[in-house]
C-alpha atoms as a PDB file:
ATOM      1  CA  UNK A   1     126.861  91.090-228.099  1.00  0.00           C
ATOM      2  CA  UNK A   2     124.668  88.714-226.055  1.00  0.00           C
ATOM      3  CA  UNK A   3     122.815  91.764-224.718  1.00  0.00           C
ATOM      4  CA  UNK A   4     121.891  92.866-228.239  1.00  0.00           C
ATOM      5  CA  UNK A   5     120.849  89.356-229.252  1.00  0.00           C
ATOM      6  CA  UNK A   6     118.617  89.160-226.200  1.00  0.00           C
ATOM      7  CA  UNK A   7     117.199  92.619-226.971  1.00  0.00           C
ATOM      8  CA  UNK A   8     116.495  91.599-230.552  1.00  0.00           C
ATOM      9  CA  UNK A   9     114.700  88.398-229.510  1.00  0.00           C
ATOM     10  CA  UNK A  10     112.667  90.292-226.934  1.00  0.00           C
ATOM     11  CA  UNK A  11     111.710  92.841-229.572  1.00  0.00           C
ATOM     12  CA  UNK A  12     110.638  90.113-231.987  1.00  0.00           C
ATOM     13  CA  UNK A  13     108.619  88.412-229.233  1.00  0.00           C
ATOM     14  CA  UNK A  14     106.867  91.672-228.362  1.00  0.00           C
ATOM     15  CA  UNK A  15     106.097  92.314-232.019  1.00  0.00           C
ATOM     16  CA  UNK A  16     104.709  88.801-232.425  1.00  0.00           C
ATOM     17  CA  UNK A  17     102.555  89.271-229.338  1.00  0.00           C
ATOM     18  CA  UNK A  18     101.302  92.564-230.708  1.00  0.00           C
ATOM     19  CA  UNK A  19     100.355  90.908-233.998  1.00  0.00           C
ATOM     20  CA  UNK A  20      98.476  88.124-232.169  1.00  0.00           C
ATOM     21  CA  UNK A  21      96.597  90.648-230.047  1.00  0.00           C
ATOM     22  CA  UNK A  22      95.737  92.673-233.145  1.00  0.00           C
ATOM     23  CA  UNK A  23      94.412  89.582-234.920  1.00  0.00           C
ATOM     24  CA  UNK A  24      92.336  88.628-231.880  1.00  0.00           C
ATOM     25  CA  UNK A  25      90.903  92.135-231.624  1.00  0.00           C
ATOM     26  CA  UNK A  26      90.127  92.195-235.358  1.00  0.00           C
ATOM     27  CA  UNK A  27      88.435  88.801-235.113  1.00  0.00           C
ATOM     28  CA  UNK A  28      86.289  89.921-232.175  1.00  0.00           C
ATOM     29  CA  UNK A  29      85.240  93.045-234.029  1.00  0.00           C
ATOM     30  CA  UNK A  30      84.402  90.993-237.120  1.00  0.00           C
ATOM     31  CA  UNK A  31      82.162  88.662-235.091  1.00  0.00           C
ATOM     32  CA  UNK A  32      80.101  91.482-233.598  1.00  0.00           C
ATOM     33  CA  UNK A  33      76.662  91.872-235.128  1.00  0.00           C
ATOM     34  CA  UNK A  34      75.358  95.413-235.584  1.00  0.00           C
ATOM     35  CA  UNK A  35      71.580  95.801-235.353  1.00  0.00           C
ATOM     36  CA  UNK A  36      69.376  98.876-235.762  1.00  0.00           C
ATOM     37  CA  UNK A  37      66.221  98.967-233.605  1.00  0.00           C
ATOM     38  CA  UNK A  38      63.804 101.175-235.552  1.00  0.00           C
ATOM     39  CA  UNK A  39      60.730 102.050-233.520  1.00  0.00           C
ATOM     40  CA  UNK A  40      58.761 104.488-231.411  1.00  0.00           C
ATOM     41  CA  UNK A  41      58.582 105.219-227.668  1.00  0.00           C
ATOM     42  CA  UNK A  42      58.452 101.502-226.826  1.00  0.00           C
ATOM     43  CA  UNK A  43      61.837 101.025-228.455  1.00  0.00           C
ATOM     44  CA  UNK A  44      63.168 104.350-227.203  1.00  0.00           C
ATOM     45  CA  UNK A  45      62.449 103.508-223.557  1.00  0.00           C
ATOM     46  CA  UNK A  46      59.922 106.215-222.720  1.00  0.00           C
ATOM     47  CA  UNK A  47      59.600 106.982-219.003  1.00  0.00           C
ATOM     48  CA  UNK A  48      62.454 104.704-217.942  1.00  0.00           C
ATOM     49  CA  UNK A  49      65.984 105.262-216.725  1.00  0.00           C
ATOM     50  CA  UNK A  50      68.400 104.247-219.458  1.00  0.00           C
ATOM     51  CA  UNK A  51      69.372 100.800-218.192  1.00  0.00           C
ATOM     52  CA  UNK A  52      65.715  99.769-217.815  1.00  0.00           C
ATOM     53  CA  UNK A  53      64.876 100.584-221.432  1.00  0.00           C
ATOM     54  CA  UNK A  54      64.206  98.036-224.170  1.00  0.00           C
ATOM     55  CA  UNK A  55      67.523  98.335-226.017  1.00  0.00           C
ATOM     56  CA  UNK A  56      69.824  98.164-222.952  1.00  0.00           C
ATOM     57  CA  UNK A  57      67.889  95.237-221.479  1.00  0.00           C
ATOM     58  CA  UNK A  58      67.883  93.406-224.819  1.00  0.00           C
ATOM     59  CA  UNK A  59      71.620  93.991-225.221  1.00  0.00           C
ATOM     60  CA  UNK A  60      72.266  92.627-221.710  1.00  0.00           C
ATOM     61  CA  UNK A  61      69.990  89.614-222.309  1.00  0.00           C
ATOM     62  CA  UNK A  62      71.889  88.725-225.475  1.00  0.00           C
ATOM     63  CA  UNK A  63      75.295  89.273-223.842  1.00  0.00           C
ATOM     64  CA  UNK A  64      74.360  86.837-221.064  1.00  0.00           C
ATOM     65  CA  UNK A  65      73.817  84.237-223.770  1.00  0.00           C
ATOM     66  CA  UNK A  66      77.190  84.828-225.380  1.00  0.00           C
ATOM     67  CA  UNK A  67      76.203  87.105-228.250  1.00  0.00           C
ATOM     68  CA  UNK A  68      78.518  89.963-229.205  1.00  0.00           C
ATOM     69  CA  UNK A  69      75.923  92.478-230.396  1.00  0.00           C
ATOM     70  CA  UNK A  70      75.733  96.230-230.814  1.00  0.00           C
ATOM     71  CA  UNK A  71      72.163  97.524-230.921  1.00  0.00           C
ATOM     72  CA  UNK A  72      71.587 101.086-232.091  1.00  0.00           C
ATOM     73  CA  UNK A  73      68.542 102.640-230.440  1.00  0.00           C
ATOM     74  CA  UNK A  74      66.601 104.285-233.267  1.00  0.00           C
ATOM     75  CA  UNK A  75      63.392 104.606-231.281  1.00  0.00           C
ATOM     76  CA  UNK A  76      61.696 108.002-231.522  1.00  0.00           C
ATOM     77  CA  UNK A  77      58.810 108.771-229.182  1.00  0.00           C
ATOM     78  CA  UNK A  78      55.603 109.510-231.081  1.00  0.00           C
ATOM     79  CA  UNK A  79      56.930 108.205-234.390  1.00  0.00           C
ATOM     80  CA  UNK A  80      54.580 106.648-236.933  1.00  0.00           C
ATOM     81  CA  UNK A  81      55.325 104.230-239.761  1.00  0.00           C
ATOM     82  CA  UNK A  82      55.662 107.286-242.018  1.00  0.00           C
ATOM     83  CA  UNK A  83      58.284 108.749-239.688  1.00  0.00           C
ATOM     84  CA  UNK A  84      60.181 105.461-239.664  1.00  0.00           C
ATOM     85  CA  UNK A  85      60.207 105.328-243.453  1.00  0.00           C
ATOM     86  CA  UNK A  86      61.376 108.951-243.654  1.00  0.00           C
ATOM     87  CA  UNK A  87      64.451 108.302-241.508  1.00  0.00           C
ATOM     88  CA  UNK A  88      65.361 104.686-242.213  1.00  0.00           C
ATOM     89  CA  UNK A  89      67.858 105.520-244.985  1.00  0.00           C
ATOM     90  CA  UNK A  90      70.044 107.801-242.877  1.00  0.00           C
ATOM     91  CA  UNK A  91      69.625 105.664-239.769  1.00  0.00           C
ATOM     92  CA  UNK A  92      71.235 102.705-241.521  1.00  0.00           C
ATOM     93  CA  UNK A  93      74.918 103.471-241.151  1.00  0.00           C
ATOM     94  CA  UNK A  94      77.310 101.261-243.186  1.00  0.00           C
ATOM     95  CA  UNK A  95      78.106  98.766-240.406  1.00  0.00           C
ATOM     96  CA  UNK A  96      74.454  97.811-239.751  1.00  0.00           C
ATOM     97  CA  UNK A  97      73.756  94.182-240.684  1.00  0.00           C
ATOM     98  CA  UNK A  98      70.201  93.683-239.444  1.00  0.00           C
ATOM     99  CA  UNK A  99      67.184  95.629-238.294  1.00  0.00           C
ATOM    100  CA  UNK A 100      64.362  95.280-235.774  1.00  0.00           C
ATOM    101  CA  UNK A 101      61.246  97.128-236.966  1.00  0.00           C
ATOM    102  CA  UNK A 102      58.628  97.894-234.293  1.00  0.00           C
ATOM    103  CA  UNK A 103      56.299 100.602-235.576  1.00  0.00           C
ATOM    104  CA  UNK A 104      52.557 101.101-235.885  1.00  0.00           C
ATOM    105  CA  UNK A 105      51.284 101.921-232.401  1.00  0.00           C
ATOM    106  CA  UNK A 106      51.063 105.633-233.116  1.00  0.00           C
ATOM    107  CA  UNK A 107      49.359 104.937-236.433  1.00  0.00           C
ATOM    108  CA  UNK A 108      46.647 103.176-234.430  1.00  0.00           C
ATOM    109  CA  UNK A 109      46.339 106.039-231.952  1.00  0.00           C
ATOM    110  CA  UNK A 110      45.755 108.399-234.879  1.00  0.00           C
ATOM    111  CA  UNK A 111      43.483 106.060-236.828  1.00  0.00           C
ATOM    112  CA  UNK A 112      45.754 106.159-239.875  1.00  0.00           C
ATOM    113  CA  UNK A 113      44.532 104.258-242.924  1.00  0.00           C
ATOM    114  CA  UNK A 114      45.906 100.687-242.806  1.00  0.00           C
ATOM    115  CA  UNK A 115      46.808 100.959-246.496  1.00  0.00           C
ATOM    116  CA  UNK A 116      49.097 103.890-245.705  1.00  0.00           C
ATOM    117  CA  UNK A 117      50.704 102.054-242.790  1.00  0.00           C
ATOM    118  CA  UNK A 118      51.242  99.004-245.003  1.00  0.00           C
ATOM    119  CA  UNK A 119      52.907 101.110-247.703  1.00  0.00           C
ATOM    120  CA  UNK A 120      55.232 102.694-245.151  1.00  0.00           C
ATOM    121  CA  UNK A 121      56.310  99.406-243.590  1.00  0.00           C
ATOM    122  CA  UNK A 122      56.773  97.888-247.011  1.00  0.00           C
ATOM    123  CA  UNK A 123      58.937 100.865-247.925  1.00  0.00           C
ATOM    124  CA  UNK A 124      61.137 100.166-244.887  1.00  0.00           C
ATOM    125  CA  UNK A 125      61.422  96.495-245.851  1.00  0.00           C
ATOM    126  CA  UNK A 126      62.350  97.446-249.411  1.00  0.00           C
ATOM    127  CA  UNK A 127      65.207  99.592-248.100  1.00  0.00           C
ATOM    128  CA  UNK A 128      66.413  96.651-246.003  1.00  0.00           C
ATOM    129  CA  UNK A 129      66.122  94.297-248.969  1.00  0.00           C
ATOM    130  CA  UNK A 130      68.112  96.638-251.198  1.00  0.00           C
ATOM    131  CA  UNK A 131      70.908  96.726-248.619  1.00  0.00           C
ATOM    132  CA  UNK A 132      70.887  93.007-247.994  1.00  0.00           C
ATOM    133  CA  UNK A 133      69.834  93.383-244.353  1.00  0.00           C
ATOM    134  CA  UNK A 134      68.063  90.772-242.260  1.00  0.00           C
ATOM    135  CA  UNK A 135      64.888  92.010-240.533  1.00  0.00           C
ATOM    136  CA  UNK A 136      62.786  91.130-237.520  1.00  0.00           C
ATOM    137  CA  UNK A 137      59.331  92.651-238.003  1.00  0.00           C
ATOM    138  CA  UNK A 138      57.307  93.061-234.809  1.00  0.00           C
ATOM    139  CA  UNK A 139      53.572  93.160-235.351  1.00  0.00           C
ATOM    140  CA  UNK A 140      50.786  95.252-233.900  1.00  0.00           C
ATOM    141  CA  UNK A 141      47.133  94.424-233.301  1.00  0.00           C
ATOM    142  CA  UNK A 142      44.450  97.063-233.798  1.00  0.00           C
ATOM    143  CA  UNK A 143      41.766  97.595-231.136  1.00  0.00           C
ATOM    144  CA  UNK A 144      38.178  96.830-232.039  1.00  0.00           C
ATOM    145  CA  UNK A 145      36.899 100.399-231.754  1.00  0.00           C
ATOM    146  CA  UNK A 146      37.778 101.207-235.392  1.00  0.00           C
ATOM    147  CA  UNK A 147      35.534  98.409-236.600  1.00  0.00           C
ATOM    148  CA  UNK A 148      36.201  94.862-237.821  1.00  0.00           C
ATOM    149  CA  UNK A 149      37.292  95.867-241.335  1.00  0.00           C
ATOM    150  CA  UNK A 150      39.935  98.281-240.052  1.00  0.00           C
ATOM    151  CA  UNK A 151      41.201  95.692-237.569  1.00  0.00           C
ATOM    152  CA  UNK A 152      41.388  92.932-240.166  1.00  0.00           C
ATOM    153  CA  UNK A 153      43.282  95.148-242.617  1.00  0.00           C
ATOM    154  CA  UNK A 154      45.714  96.469-240.022  1.00  0.00           C
ATOM    155  CA  UNK A 155      46.424  93.152-238.311  1.00  0.00           C
ATOM    156  CA  UNK A 156      47.202  91.522-241.666  1.00  0.00           C
ATOM    157  CA  UNK A 157      49.952  94.012-242.517  1.00  0.00           C
ATOM    158  CA  UNK A 158      52.729  92.440-240.477  1.00  0.00           C
ATOM    159  CA  UNK A 159      52.449  88.691-241.137  1.00  0.00           C
ATOM    160  CA  UNK A 160      51.807  89.265-244.838  1.00  0.00           C
ATOM    161  CA  UNK A 161      54.759  91.610-245.316  1.00  0.00           C
ATOM    162  CA  UNK A 162      57.034  89.414-243.209  1.00  0.00           C
ATOM    163  CA  UNK A 163      56.239  86.494-245.491  1.00  0.00           C
ATOM    164  CA  UNK A 164      56.595  88.558-248.663  1.00  0.00           C
ATOM    165  CA  UNK A 165      60.038  89.885-247.681  1.00  0.00           C
ATOM    166  CA  UNK A 166      61.300  86.786-245.844  1.00  0.00           C
ATOM    167  CA  UNK A 167      61.552  88.692-242.567  1.00  0.00           C
ATOM    168  CA  UNK A 168      61.432  87.098-239.141  1.00  0.00           C
ATOM    169  CA  UNK A 169      58.124  87.854-237.457  1.00  0.00           C
ATOM    170  CA  UNK A 170      56.913  88.344-233.882  1.00  0.00           C
ATOM    171  CA  UNK A 171      53.190  88.933-233.514  1.00  0.00           C
ATOM    172  CA  UNK A 172      53.404  91.620-230.822  1.00  0.00           C
ATOM    173  CA  UNK A 173      55.905  93.751-228.934  1.00  0.00           C
ATOM    174  CA  UNK A 174      53.973  92.695-225.818  1.00  0.00           C
ATOM    175  CA  UNK A 175      54.136  88.960-226.558  1.00  0.00           C
ATOM    176  CA  UNK A 176      56.275  88.427-223.453  1.00  0.00           C
ATOM    177  CA  UNK A 177      53.509  89.790-221.224  1.00  0.00           C
ATOM    178  CA  UNK A 178      50.769  87.566-222.625  1.00  0.00           C
ATOM    179  CA  UNK A 179      49.475  84.377-221.041  1.00  0.00           C
ATOM    180  CA  UNK A 180      47.697  81.918-223.344  1.00  0.00           C
ATOM    181  CA  UNK A 181      47.426  84.647-225.948  1.00  0.00           C
ATOM    182  CA  UNK A 182      45.758  87.118-223.606  1.00  0.00           C
ATOM    183  CA  UNK A 183      46.988  89.969-221.446  1.00  0.00           C
ATOM    184  CA  UNK A 184      47.181  88.899-217.774  1.00  0.00           C
ATOM    185  CA  UNK A 185      44.758  90.233-215.181  1.00  0.00           C
ATOM    186  CA  UNK A 186      47.715  91.678-213.246  1.00  0.00           C
ATOM    187  CA  UNK A 187      49.009  93.583-216.266  1.00  0.00           C
ATOM    188  CA  UNK A 188      49.264  96.793-214.212  1.00  0.00           C
ATOM    189  CA  UNK A 189      52.307  95.498-212.351  1.00  0.00           C
ATOM    190  CA  UNK A 190      54.235  95.527-215.630  1.00  0.00           C
ATOM    191  CA  UNK A 191      53.068  98.909-216.901  1.00  0.00           C
ATOM    192  CA  UNK A 192      53.759 102.555-216.177  1.00  0.00           C
ATOM    193  CA  UNK A 193      50.838 104.651-214.837  1.00  0.00           C
ATOM    194  CA  UNK A 194      49.820 105.668-218.382  1.00  0.00           C
ATOM    195  CA  UNK A 195      48.862 102.049-219.101  1.00  0.00           C
ATOM    196  CA  UNK A 196      50.621 102.233-222.482  1.00  0.00           C
ATOM    197  CA  UNK A 197      54.325 101.909-221.778  1.00  0.00           C
ATOM    198  CA  UNK A 198      55.925  99.037-219.845  1.00  0.00           C
ATOM    199  CA  UNK A 199      57.931  99.613-216.687  1.00  0.00           C
ATOM    200  CA  UNK A 200      61.343  98.032-216.125  1.00  0.00           C
ATOM    201  CA  UNK A 201      59.853  94.706-215.008  1.00  0.00           C
ATOM    202  CA  UNK A 202      57.556  94.694-218.032  1.00  0.00           C
ATOM    203  CA  UNK A 203      60.455  95.360-220.389  1.00  0.00           C
ATOM    204  CA  UNK A 204      62.356  92.421-218.852  1.00  0.00           C
ATOM    205  CA  UNK A 205      59.497  90.074-219.765  1.00  0.00           C
ATOM    206  CA  UNK A 206      59.130  91.649-223.213  1.00  0.00           C
ATOM    207  CA  UNK A 207      62.842  91.137-223.865  1.00  0.00           C
ATOM    208  CA  UNK A 208      62.581  87.418-223.107  1.00  0.00           C
ATOM    209  CA  UNK A 209      60.156  86.986-226.009  1.00  0.00           C
ATOM    210  CA  UNK A 210      61.862  89.407-228.394  1.00  0.00           C
ATOM    211  CA  UNK A 211      65.299  88.078-227.464  1.00  0.00           C
ATOM    212  CA  UNK A 212      64.701  84.593-228.832  1.00  0.00           C
ATOM    213  CA  UNK A 213      63.677  86.130-232.163  1.00  0.00           C
ATOM    214  CA  UNK A 214      66.765  88.354-232.158  1.00  0.00           C
ATOM    215  CA  UNK A 215      68.895  85.254-231.617  1.00  0.00           C
ATOM    216  CA  UNK A 216      67.347  83.865-234.807  1.00  0.00           C
ATOM    217  CA  UNK A 217      68.080  87.186-236.497  1.00  0.00           C
ATOM    218  CA  UNK A 218      71.741  86.980-235.426  1.00  0.00           C
ATOM    219  CA  UNK A 219      71.917  83.415-236.780  1.00  0.00           C
ATOM    220  CA  UNK A 220      70.707  84.679-240.152  1.00  0.00           C
ATOM    221  CA  UNK A 221      73.440  87.320-240.205  1.00  0.00           C
ATOM    222  CA  UNK A 222      76.098  84.724-239.310  1.00  0.00           C
ATOM    223  CA  UNK A 223      74.991  82.105-241.835  1.00  0.00           C
END
């Protein structure tokens, strides 16, 4: 009889432990923030081994600071703002709670009309707004070779839309490489040979600047 009593108590204890573990696991899953990183080759990690890319380094940076975050790499090399708008709907799976938007570099390379780029980015922000998603919008600065009017129109896209849609804003993907608002004279040490894409060391510095903004993004999701 005592044997069966002991067996029954042990069974109840094991069941109780299982319930506690299940609740802990459920709580951990509930606390995780799911973020979509929508971008181009800079987001995708062009020319780098996987762990040196933007998304893996950002994920590691956040984990070191105690954030439980899943970041989906939706960077597509060569993508424009139009491409981002075309795929944002199906990229946003149901668990996504926030989005990083870093597009526009390829629009500049192709000299795309700033009005078209603005409409595309606004379209992405409207999708996010409709789904109740928090957004970090990363800006882009046009070179001067298209003329002052083009530059003024393009550069204004990001801060104006960030304000209009209450998105967090970072002025440049390369903000972490800048010194006193300018690119350093030793920029080459942080770039791949093409002079366009950062190397692993460059990404590490970029992540330090982007990471603080993503922490603010996570705080918005948790509020």
